[in-house]
Protein backbone atom coordinates (compact mmCIF):
# COMPACT_ATOMS: atom_id res chain seq x y z
CA UNK A 1 -187.31 226.34 -40.55
CA UNK A 2 -188.05 224.90 -37.13
CA UNK A 3 -186.16 221.63 -35.92
CA UNK A 4 -184.89 220.07 -32.87
CA UNK A 5 -181.89 221.42 -30.94
CA UNK A 6 -180.74 217.89 -29.90
CA UNK A 7 -179.89 216.79 -33.28
CA UNK A 8 -176.57 216.81 -35.06
CA UNK A 9 -175.14 219.74 -36.84
CA UNK A 10 -175.58 222.62 -34.47
CA UNK A 11 -173.55 225.59 -35.15
CA UNK A 12 -170.60 226.60 -33.06
CA UNK A 13 -172.06 228.78 -30.18
CA UNK A 14 -170.85 230.89 -27.39
CA UNK A 15 -174.17 230.05 -25.43
CA UNK A 16 -176.70 227.26 -25.82
CA UNK A 17 -179.91 228.06 -23.76
CA UNK A 18 -182.45 225.28 -23.54
CA UNK A 19 -186.03 225.83 -22.32
CA UNK A 20 -187.56 222.32 -22.04
CA UNK A 21 -186.56 219.99 -19.11
CA UNK A 22 -184.23 216.98 -19.77
CA UNK A 23 -182.84 214.38 -17.69
CA UNK A 24 -179.27 214.76 -19.27
CA UNK A 25 -177.23 217.08 -21.27
CA UNK A 26 -177.21 216.38 -24.92
CA UNK A 27 -173.78 215.60 -26.40
CA UNK A 28 -174.73 217.87 -29.34
CA UNK A 29 -175.11 220.87 -27.16
CA UNK A 30 -171.75 220.36 -25.53
CA UNK A 31 -170.06 219.71 -28.83
CA UNK A 32 -171.58 223.03 -30.25
CA UNK A 33 -169.98 225.01 -27.42
CA UNK A 34 -166.81 227.12 -28.43
CA UNK A 35 -163.88 227.31 -25.92
CA UNK A 36 -165.32 229.12 -23.03
CA UNK A 37 -168.97 228.70 -24.16
CA UNK A 38 -171.82 228.17 -21.81
CA UNK A 39 -174.76 225.72 -21.69
CA UNK A 40 -177.79 226.57 -19.51
CA UNK A 41 -180.37 223.81 -19.43
CA UNK A 42 -183.05 222.52 -17.09
CA UNK A 43 -181.96 219.30 -15.52
CA UNK A 44 -185.20 217.35 -14.55
CA UNK A 45 -187.06 214.19 -14.76
CA UNK A 46 -190.64 213.48 -15.65
CA UNK A 47 -191.70 214.83 -12.33
CA UNK A 48 -190.82 218.25 -13.53
CA UNK A 49 -188.68 219.13 -10.47
CA UNK A 50 -185.04 220.10 -11.06
CA UNK A 51 -182.73 222.97 -11.62
CA UNK A 52 -181.12 225.19 -14.21
CA UNK A 53 -177.67 223.82 -14.79
CA UNK A 54 -175.02 226.10 -16.13
CA UNK A 55 -172.02 224.20 -17.71
CA UNK A 56 -168.88 226.02 -19.02
CA UNK A 57 -166.47 224.58 -21.73
CA UNK A 58 -163.15 225.03 -20.02
CA UNK A 59 -161.34 226.02 -23.27
CA UNK A 60 -158.68 223.29 -23.12
CA UNK A 61 -160.26 220.96 -25.55
CA UNK A 62 -160.66 218.10 -23.25
CA UNK A 63 -163.82 216.57 -22.34
CA UNK A 64 -163.17 215.33 -18.78
CA UNK A 65 -164.18 217.83 -16.13
CA UNK A 66 -166.13 221.13 -16.81
CA UNK A 67 -167.25 223.70 -14.31
CA UNK A 68 -170.95 223.44 -13.65
CA UNK A 69 -173.35 224.83 -11.00
CA UNK A 70 -177.15 225.12 -10.57
CA UNK A 71 -178.32 228.59 -11.05
CA UNK A 72 -181.82 227.94 -9.40
CA UNK A 73 -184.49 225.38 -8.90
CA UNK A 74 -186.56 224.87 -12.17
CA UNK A 75 -189.71 223.22 -13.39
CA UNK A 76 -190.15 223.18 -17.28
CA UNK A 77 -192.15 221.31 -19.90
CA UNK A 78 -190.25 218.16 -20.57
CA UNK A 79 -188.14 217.99 -23.72
CA UNK A 80 -189.57 215.56 -26.30
CA UNK A 81 -186.22 213.81 -26.98
CA UNK A 82 -183.27 212.16 -25.16
CA UNK A 83 -184.98 211.37 -21.91
CA UNK A 84 -182.95 208.99 -19.76
CA UNK A 85 -185.53 206.79 -18.02
CA UNK A 86 -182.78 204.91 -15.95
CA UNK A 87 -181.87 207.91 -14.11
CA UNK A 88 -185.42 209.15 -13.01
CA UNK A 89 -185.22 207.78 -9.40
CA UNK A 90 -181.70 209.07 -8.86
CA UNK A 91 -182.50 212.42 -10.29
CA UNK A 92 -185.60 212.85 -8.04
CA UNK A 93 -183.73 211.68 -5.06
CA UNK A 94 -180.87 214.18 -5.70
CA UNK A 95 -183.19 217.23 -5.96
CA UNK A 96 -185.08 215.93 -2.94
CA UNK A 97 -181.84 216.28 -0.90
CA UNK A 98 -181.94 219.98 -1.58
CA UNK A 99 -178.17 220.52 -1.93
CA UNK A 100 -178.03 221.80 -5.55
CA UNK A 101 -175.65 224.64 -4.43
CA UNK A 102 -172.89 222.02 -3.71
CA UNK A 103 -172.62 220.95 -7.36
CA UNK A 104 -169.15 222.43 -8.78
CA UNK A 105 -168.53 220.33 -11.82
CA UNK A 106 -169.67 218.05 -14.45
CA UNK A 107 -167.50 214.99 -15.25
CA UNK A 108 -167.41 212.86 -18.34
CA UNK A 109 -166.37 209.20 -18.11
CA UNK A 110 -164.69 207.48 -15.35
CA UNK A 111 -166.02 205.99 -12.26
CA UNK A 112 -168.04 208.58 -9.96
CA UNK A 113 -166.12 209.26 -6.89
CA UNK A 114 -166.90 210.29 -3.37
CA UNK A 115 -167.77 213.79 -4.62
CA UNK A 116 -170.60 212.39 -6.87
CA UNK A 117 -173.97 214.35 -6.52
CA UNK A 118 -175.66 212.55 -9.37
CA UNK A 119 -174.40 209.74 -11.58
CA UNK A 120 -175.75 209.79 -15.11
CA UNK A 121 -174.05 206.96 -16.83
CA UNK A 122 -171.37 208.46 -19.14
CA UNK A 123 -171.41 211.77 -17.13
CA UNK A 124 -171.71 212.79 -13.49
CA UNK A 125 -172.26 215.93 -11.32
CA UNK A 126 -169.65 216.37 -8.57
CA UNK A 127 -169.38 218.55 -5.63
CA UNK A 128 -165.61 218.99 -6.32
CA UNK A 129 -164.16 221.66 -8.51
CA UNK A 130 -163.13 220.69 -11.99
């Protein structure tokens, strides 16, 4: 049976691969990752310009700062769920800078610091290691 991969109840996984562009990581994808699991998804806005972001669950059970890096630039068909319209301009500006290789971590909660590459509300990408 086909269903949305952004909904609740995803089984535990070592790898979650997403092939539709989205403006933020789904909390359900992150929750589904086993310790050391990896999430690969195209982070992009409606303009379809973005990058494939690889996020790794650090295995310590904490949701604060996880290793993350862009694998490559990407342009995908947009995901039909969970787009964040408020981040569109910031997302486009971040990718226009062209420094995707500087991203080293994704952080959850707290105020974005000097290392902030992109602030997404409850999460942000950082140029500092986790």
